[in-house]
Amino acid sequence: MENIDPVCGMSVENGNAAGRSEYEARYYYFCSSECKDSFDADPERYLEVYRIAAAGEGK
C-alpha cells in the first residue's frame, strides 16, 4: 500500500518505509528517519498541512 510521508510529501510504500509512527489511532509512514523524528516531535504541525492537502484533492 502506498502512503504519503506527511513531512515531505514523498510517496512511501509500507514495506519500504524508513519508519512508522502511530498518532491518534492512525499509522503514518516515512521516507527517512529524519522525517519520522520531525513528525514525532510535533505531529500536529505536519498533520495540519497534510489535512489541507488531502482536502484539496477532493475538489
N, C-alpha and C. Protein backbone atom coordinates (compact mmCIF):
# COMPACT_ATOMS: atom_id res chain seq x y z
N MET A 1 0.84 -1.17 0.00
CA MET A 1 0.00 0.00 0.00
C MET A 1 0.89 1.24 0.00
N GLU A 2 0.49 2.23 -0.76
CA GLU A 2 1.27 3.45 -0.85
C GLU A 2 0.69 4.53 0.05
N ASN A 3 1.56 5.25 0.72
CA ASN A 3 1.18 6.34 1.61
C ASN A 3 2.00 7.56 1.27
N ILE A 4 1.60 8.69 1.81
CA ILE A 4 2.35 9.93 1.64
C ILE A 4 3.00 10.30 2.97
N ASP A 5 4.30 10.51 2.92
CA ASP A 5 5.03 10.98 4.10
C ASP A 5 4.47 12.36 4.45
N PRO A 6 3.89 12.53 5.64
CA PRO A 6 3.27 13.81 5.99
C PRO A 6 4.26 14.95 6.20
N VAL A 7 5.54 14.65 6.29
CA VAL A 7 6.54 15.70 6.49
C VAL A 7 7.02 16.27 5.16
N CYS A 8 7.41 15.40 4.22
CA CYS A 8 7.99 15.88 2.96
C CYS A 8 7.08 15.69 1.76
N GLY A 9 6.01 14.89 1.90
CA GLY A 9 5.08 14.67 0.80
C GLY A 9 5.49 13.57 -0.16
N MET A 10 6.55 12.86 0.12
CA MET A 10 7.03 11.79 -0.74
C MET A 10 6.14 10.56 -0.63
N SER A 11 5.96 9.84 -1.74
CA SER A 11 5.23 8.57 -1.72
C SER A 11 6.09 7.51 -1.05
N VAL A 12 5.45 6.73 -0.17
CA VAL A 12 6.17 5.70 0.58
C VAL A 12 5.36 4.42 0.58
N GLU A 13 5.97 3.32 0.17
CA GLU A 13 5.35 2.01 0.25
C GLU A 13 5.51 1.50 1.68
N ASN A 14 4.47 0.92 2.24
CA ASN A 14 4.53 0.40 3.62
C ASN A 14 5.76 -0.46 3.86
N GLY A 15 6.02 -1.40 2.98
CA GLY A 15 7.12 -2.33 3.16
C GLY A 15 8.50 -1.71 3.01
N ASN A 16 8.57 -0.54 2.37
CA ASN A 16 9.86 0.11 2.14
C ASN A 16 10.05 1.36 3.01
N ALA A 17 9.13 1.61 3.91
CA ALA A 17 9.21 2.81 4.74
C ALA A 17 10.42 2.76 5.67
N ALA A 18 11.03 3.93 5.88
CA ALA A 18 12.16 4.02 6.80
C ALA A 18 11.69 4.06 8.25
N GLY A 19 10.41 4.33 8.43
CA GLY A 19 9.86 4.38 9.78
C GLY A 19 8.36 4.49 9.76
N ARG A 20 7.76 4.22 10.92
CA ARG A 20 6.30 4.30 11.06
C ARG A 20 5.99 4.84 12.44
N SER A 21 5.01 5.73 12.50
CA SER A 21 4.55 6.27 13.78
C SER A 21 3.05 6.13 13.86
N GLU A 22 2.56 5.93 15.08
CA GLU A 22 1.12 5.90 15.32
C GLU A 22 0.75 7.18 16.05
N TYR A 23 -0.31 7.83 15.56
CA TYR A 23 -0.80 9.04 16.19
C TYR A 23 -2.30 9.07 16.02
N GLU A 24 -3.02 9.23 17.11
CA GLU A 24 -4.48 9.26 17.13
C GLU A 24 -5.08 8.07 16.36
N ALA A 25 -4.58 6.88 16.71
CA ALA A 25 -5.08 5.60 16.18
C ALA A 25 -4.90 5.45 14.68
N ARG A 26 -3.91 6.13 14.10
CA ARG A 26 -3.62 6.01 12.68
C ARG A 26 -2.11 5.90 12.50
N TYR A 27 -1.70 5.09 11.51
CA TYR A 27 -0.28 4.94 11.23
C TYR A 27 0.15 5.88 10.12
N TYR A 28 1.35 6.42 10.26
CA TYR A 28 1.96 7.28 9.26
C TYR A 28 3.32 6.69 8.91
N TYR A 29 3.67 6.71 7.63
CA TYR A 29 4.89 6.10 7.13
C TYR A 29 5.81 7.18 6.59
N PHE A 30 7.13 6.93 6.72
CA PHE A 30 8.12 7.96 6.42
C PHE A 30 9.21 7.45 5.48
N CYS A 31 9.71 8.38 4.67
CA CYS A 31 10.77 8.04 3.72
C CYS A 31 12.14 7.99 4.39
N SER A 32 12.27 8.67 5.53
CA SER A 32 13.57 8.72 6.22
C SER A 32 13.36 8.83 7.73
N SER A 33 14.41 8.51 8.45
CA SER A 33 14.33 8.65 9.91
C SER A 33 14.24 10.12 10.31
N GLU A 34 14.80 11.01 9.51
CA GLU A 34 14.71 12.43 9.79
C GLU A 34 13.25 12.91 9.73
N CYS A 35 12.51 12.46 8.71
CA CYS A 35 11.10 12.83 8.61
C CYS A 35 10.30 12.26 9.78
N LYS A 36 10.59 11.03 10.15
CA LYS A 36 9.90 10.42 11.30
C LYS A 36 10.17 11.20 12.58
N ASP A 37 11.43 11.56 12.80
CA ASP A 37 11.79 12.31 14.00
C ASP A 37 11.10 13.67 14.04
N SER A 38 11.03 14.34 12.89
CA SER A 38 10.35 15.64 12.82
C SER A 38 8.88 15.49 13.15
N PHE A 39 8.24 14.47 12.60
CA PHE A 39 6.83 14.22 12.86
C PHE A 39 6.60 13.91 14.33
N ASP A 40 7.41 13.02 14.89
CA ASP A 40 7.25 12.62 16.29
C ASP A 40 7.40 13.80 17.24
N ALA A 41 8.21 14.77 16.88
CA ALA A 41 8.43 15.94 17.74
C ALA A 41 7.22 16.87 17.75
N ASP A 42 6.46 16.92 16.65
CA ASP A 42 5.32 17.85 16.57
C ASP A 42 4.32 17.38 15.50
N PRO A 43 3.60 16.29 15.75
CA PRO A 43 2.71 15.73 14.72
C PRO A 43 1.65 16.70 14.22
N GLU A 44 1.09 17.50 15.09
CA GLU A 44 0.02 18.41 14.66
C GLU A 44 0.50 19.42 13.62
N ARG A 45 1.73 19.83 13.73
CA ARG A 45 2.30 20.77 12.74
C ARG A 45 2.22 20.18 11.34
N TYR A 46 2.59 18.92 11.21
CA TYR A 46 2.62 18.28 9.90
C TYR A 46 1.24 17.81 9.45
N LEU A 47 0.42 17.40 10.39
CA LEU A 47 -0.91 16.92 10.02
C LEU A 47 -1.82 18.04 9.55
N GLU A 48 -1.62 19.23 10.03
CA GLU A 48 -2.42 20.36 9.55
C GLU A 48 -2.18 20.56 8.05
N VAL A 49 -0.94 20.55 7.62
CA VAL A 49 -0.61 20.69 6.21
C VAL A 49 -1.12 19.48 5.43
N TYR A 50 -0.97 18.30 5.99
CA TYR A 50 -1.41 17.05 5.37
C TYR A 50 -2.93 17.08 5.15
N ARG A 51 -3.69 17.55 6.14
CA ARG A 51 -5.15 17.62 6.02
C ARG A 51 -5.57 18.63 4.97
N ILE A 52 -4.89 19.77 4.90
CA ILE A 52 -5.20 20.78 3.89
C ILE A 52 -4.96 20.23 2.49
N ALA A 53 -3.84 19.53 2.31
CA ALA A 53 -3.55 18.94 1.00
C ALA A 53 -4.56 17.88 0.63
N ALA A 54 -4.95 17.03 1.58
CA ALA A 54 -5.93 15.98 1.31
C ALA A 54 -7.30 16.59 0.96
N ALA A 55 -7.67 17.67 1.61
CA ALA A 55 -8.94 18.32 1.33
C ALA A 55 -8.93 18.91 -0.08
N GLY A 56 -7.80 19.38 -0.53
CA GLY A 56 -7.67 19.93 -1.87
C GLY A 56 -7.83 18.90 -2.96
N GLU A 57 -7.52 17.64 -2.66
CA GLU A 57 -7.64 16.56 -3.64
C GLU A 57 -9.10 16.27 -3.96
N GLY A 58 -10.00 16.60 -3.05
CA GLY A 58 -11.42 16.32 -3.25
C GLY A 58 -12.13 17.34 -4.12
N LYS A 59 -11.43 18.40 -4.50
CA LYS A 59 -12.04 19.46 -5.32
C LYS A 59 -12.17 19.07 -6.75
